[in-house]
Amino acid sequence: MLSHINLLFYFGKLVETGSYTLIAAYFEITQPTITVAIKRLTKNFNDPLIIKKIARAS
């Protein structure tokens, strides 16, 4: 189970890097673990926290 402090570390690193993949590599965990952590924070704060930008090929 993810601790609340880990969730905040993951979120902070996501804001810093903007990349789920880089965070997973940095903390040596899987990308789905990061996704679950951010979703958990989103639910706890009842706020989207992160707004994804969709990259489109031109």
N, C-alpha and C. Protein backbone atom coordinates (compact mmCIF):
# COMPACT_ATOMS: atom_id res chain seq x y z
N MET A 1 0.84 -1.18 0.00
CA MET A 1 0.00 0.00 0.00
C MET A 1 0.88 1.25 0.00
N LEU A 2 0.47 2.23 -0.74
CA LEU A 2 1.23 3.46 -0.85
C LEU A 2 0.98 4.36 0.35
N SER A 3 2.05 4.87 0.94
CA SER A 3 1.87 5.79 2.06
C SER A 3 1.56 7.19 1.53
N HIS A 4 0.95 7.99 2.37
CA HIS A 4 0.58 9.35 1.96
C HIS A 4 1.81 10.18 1.61
N ILE A 5 2.90 9.98 2.31
CA ILE A 5 4.11 10.76 2.03
C ILE A 5 4.67 10.39 0.66
N ASN A 6 4.61 9.10 0.31
CA ASN A 6 5.06 8.69 -1.02
C ASN A 6 4.21 9.33 -2.11
N LEU A 7 2.90 9.39 -1.87
CA LEU A 7 2.01 10.02 -2.85
C LEU A 7 2.44 11.46 -3.11
N LEU A 8 2.79 12.15 -2.06
CA LEU A 8 3.21 13.55 -2.20
C LEU A 8 4.57 13.67 -2.90
N PHE A 9 5.47 12.74 -2.62
CA PHE A 9 6.76 12.73 -3.32
C PHE A 9 6.55 12.51 -4.82
N TYR A 10 5.70 11.55 -5.16
CA TYR A 10 5.42 11.26 -6.57
C TYR A 10 4.80 12.47 -7.25
N PHE A 11 3.84 13.10 -6.57
CA PHE A 11 3.18 14.27 -7.14
C PHE A 11 4.19 15.40 -7.35
N GLY A 12 5.02 15.66 -6.38
CA GLY A 12 6.03 16.71 -6.49
C GLY A 12 6.97 16.48 -7.66
N LYS A 13 7.38 15.24 -7.82
CA LYS A 13 8.28 14.90 -8.92
C LYS A 13 7.56 15.01 -10.26
N LEU A 14 6.27 14.69 -10.29
CA LEU A 14 5.49 14.83 -11.52
C LEU A 14 5.40 16.29 -11.93
N VAL A 15 5.16 17.16 -10.97
CA VAL A 15 5.11 18.59 -11.26
C VAL A 15 6.47 19.07 -11.78
N GLU A 16 7.54 18.56 -11.18
CA GLU A 16 8.89 18.96 -11.57
C GLU A 16 9.25 18.47 -12.97
N THR A 17 8.95 17.21 -13.27
CA THR A 17 9.40 16.60 -14.53
C THR A 17 8.35 16.61 -15.63
N GLY A 18 7.07 16.52 -15.23
CA GLY A 18 6.01 16.44 -16.22
C GLY A 18 5.90 15.09 -16.90
N SER A 19 6.57 14.08 -16.35
CA SER A 19 6.61 12.78 -17.01
C SER A 19 6.39 11.63 -16.02
N TYR A 20 5.36 10.85 -16.28
CA TYR A 20 5.11 9.66 -15.46
C TYR A 20 6.26 8.65 -15.62
N THR A 21 6.77 8.53 -16.83
CA THR A 21 7.85 7.58 -17.11
C THR A 21 9.12 7.94 -16.35
N LEU A 22 9.48 9.22 -16.35
CA LEU A 22 10.68 9.64 -15.63
C LEU A 22 10.54 9.44 -14.12
N ILE A 23 9.35 9.68 -13.60
CA ILE A 23 9.12 9.48 -12.17
C ILE A 23 9.28 8.02 -11.81
N ALA A 24 8.69 7.15 -12.62
CA ALA A 24 8.78 5.71 -12.36
C ALA A 24 10.24 5.27 -12.33
N ALA A 25 11.01 5.74 -13.29
CA ALA A 25 12.43 5.39 -13.33
C ALA A 25 13.17 5.96 -12.12
N TYR A 26 12.88 7.20 -11.76
CA TYR A 26 13.53 7.86 -10.64
C TYR A 26 13.30 7.10 -9.33
N PHE A 27 12.05 6.67 -9.09
CA PHE A 27 11.72 5.98 -7.84
C PHE A 27 11.86 4.46 -7.96
N GLU A 28 12.26 4.00 -9.15
CA GLU A 28 12.44 2.56 -9.42
C GLU A 28 11.16 1.77 -9.13
N ILE A 29 10.05 2.27 -9.66
CA ILE A 29 8.76 1.60 -9.56
C ILE A 29 8.12 1.62 -10.95
N THR A 30 6.98 0.96 -11.08
CA THR A 30 6.33 0.90 -12.38
C THR A 30 5.51 2.15 -12.65
N GLN A 31 5.31 2.43 -13.93
CA GLN A 31 4.50 3.58 -14.32
C GLN A 31 3.06 3.44 -13.83
N PRO A 32 2.45 2.23 -13.87
CA PRO A 32 1.10 2.10 -13.32
C PRO A 32 1.00 2.46 -11.83
N THR A 33 2.07 2.23 -11.08
CA THR A 33 2.08 2.61 -9.67
C THR A 33 1.97 4.12 -9.52
N ILE A 34 2.66 4.85 -10.39
CA ILE A 34 2.58 6.31 -10.37
C ILE A 34 1.17 6.75 -10.72
N THR A 35 0.59 6.13 -11.73
CA THR A 35 -0.77 6.47 -12.15
C THR A 35 -1.76 6.27 -11.02
N VAL A 36 -1.65 5.14 -10.33
CA VAL A 36 -2.53 4.85 -9.19
C VAL A 36 -2.33 5.89 -8.09
N ALA A 37 -1.10 6.25 -7.82
CA ALA A 37 -0.80 7.23 -6.77
C ALA A 37 -1.43 8.58 -7.08
N ILE A 38 -1.29 9.03 -8.31
CA ILE A 38 -1.85 10.33 -8.69
C ILE A 38 -3.37 10.28 -8.65
N LYS A 39 -3.95 9.17 -9.09
CA LYS A 39 -5.42 9.02 -9.01
C LYS A 39 -5.89 9.04 -7.56
N ARG A 40 -5.12 8.43 -6.67
CA ARG A 40 -5.48 8.42 -5.26
C ARG A 40 -5.44 9.83 -4.68
N LEU A 41 -4.42 10.60 -5.02
CA LEU A 41 -4.35 11.99 -4.55
C LEU A 41 -5.51 12.81 -5.11
N THR A 42 -5.80 12.60 -6.39
CA THR A 42 -6.91 13.30 -7.03
C THR A 42 -8.21 13.04 -6.28
N LYS A 43 -8.41 11.78 -5.92
CA LYS A 43 -9.63 11.41 -5.19
C LYS A 43 -9.63 12.02 -3.79
N ASN A 44 -8.51 11.94 -3.10
CA ASN A 44 -8.42 12.46 -1.73
C ASN A 44 -8.68 13.96 -1.66
N PHE A 45 -8.18 14.70 -2.66
CA PHE A 45 -8.33 16.15 -2.66
C PHE A 45 -9.55 16.61 -3.45
N ASN A 46 -10.23 15.66 -4.08
CA ASN A 46 -11.41 15.97 -4.89
C ASN A 46 -11.09 17.09 -5.88
N ASP A 47 -9.93 16.93 -6.53
CA ASP A 47 -9.44 17.94 -7.47
C ASP A 47 -8.61 17.22 -8.52
N PRO A 48 -8.66 17.66 -9.78
CA PRO A 48 -7.88 16.95 -10.81
C PRO A 48 -6.36 17.02 -10.60
N LEU A 49 -5.84 18.03 -9.92
CA LEU A 49 -4.42 18.22 -9.63
C LEU A 49 -3.55 18.34 -10.88
N ILE A 50 -3.70 17.42 -11.81
CA ILE A 50 -2.89 17.42 -13.03
C ILE A 50 -3.83 17.49 -14.22
N ILE A 51 -3.55 18.39 -15.13
CA ILE A 51 -4.32 18.47 -16.36
C ILE A 51 -3.38 18.07 -17.49
N LYS A 52 -3.69 16.95 -18.13
CA LYS A 52 -2.83 16.43 -19.19
C LYS A 52 -3.06 17.19 -20.48
N LYS A 53 -1.95 17.47 -21.15
CA LYS A 53 -2.01 18.05 -22.48
C LYS A 53 -1.83 16.91 -23.47
N ILE A 54 -2.67 16.88 -24.46
CA ILE A 54 -2.60 15.81 -25.45
C ILE A 54 -1.73 16.28 -26.60
N ALA A 55 -0.68 15.51 -26.85
CA ALA A 55 0.20 15.83 -27.97
C ALA A 55 -0.40 15.22 -29.24
N ARG A 56 -0.50 16.03 -30.26
CA ARG A 56 -1.08 15.56 -31.52
C ARG A 56 -0.02 15.61 -32.61
N ALA A 57 -0.02 14.57 -33.42
CA ALA A 57 0.87 14.57 -34.56
C ALA A 57 0.31 15.49 -35.63
N SER A 58 1.18 16.23 -36.28
CA SER A 58 0.71 17.12 -37.34
C SER A 58 1.13 16.60 -38.69
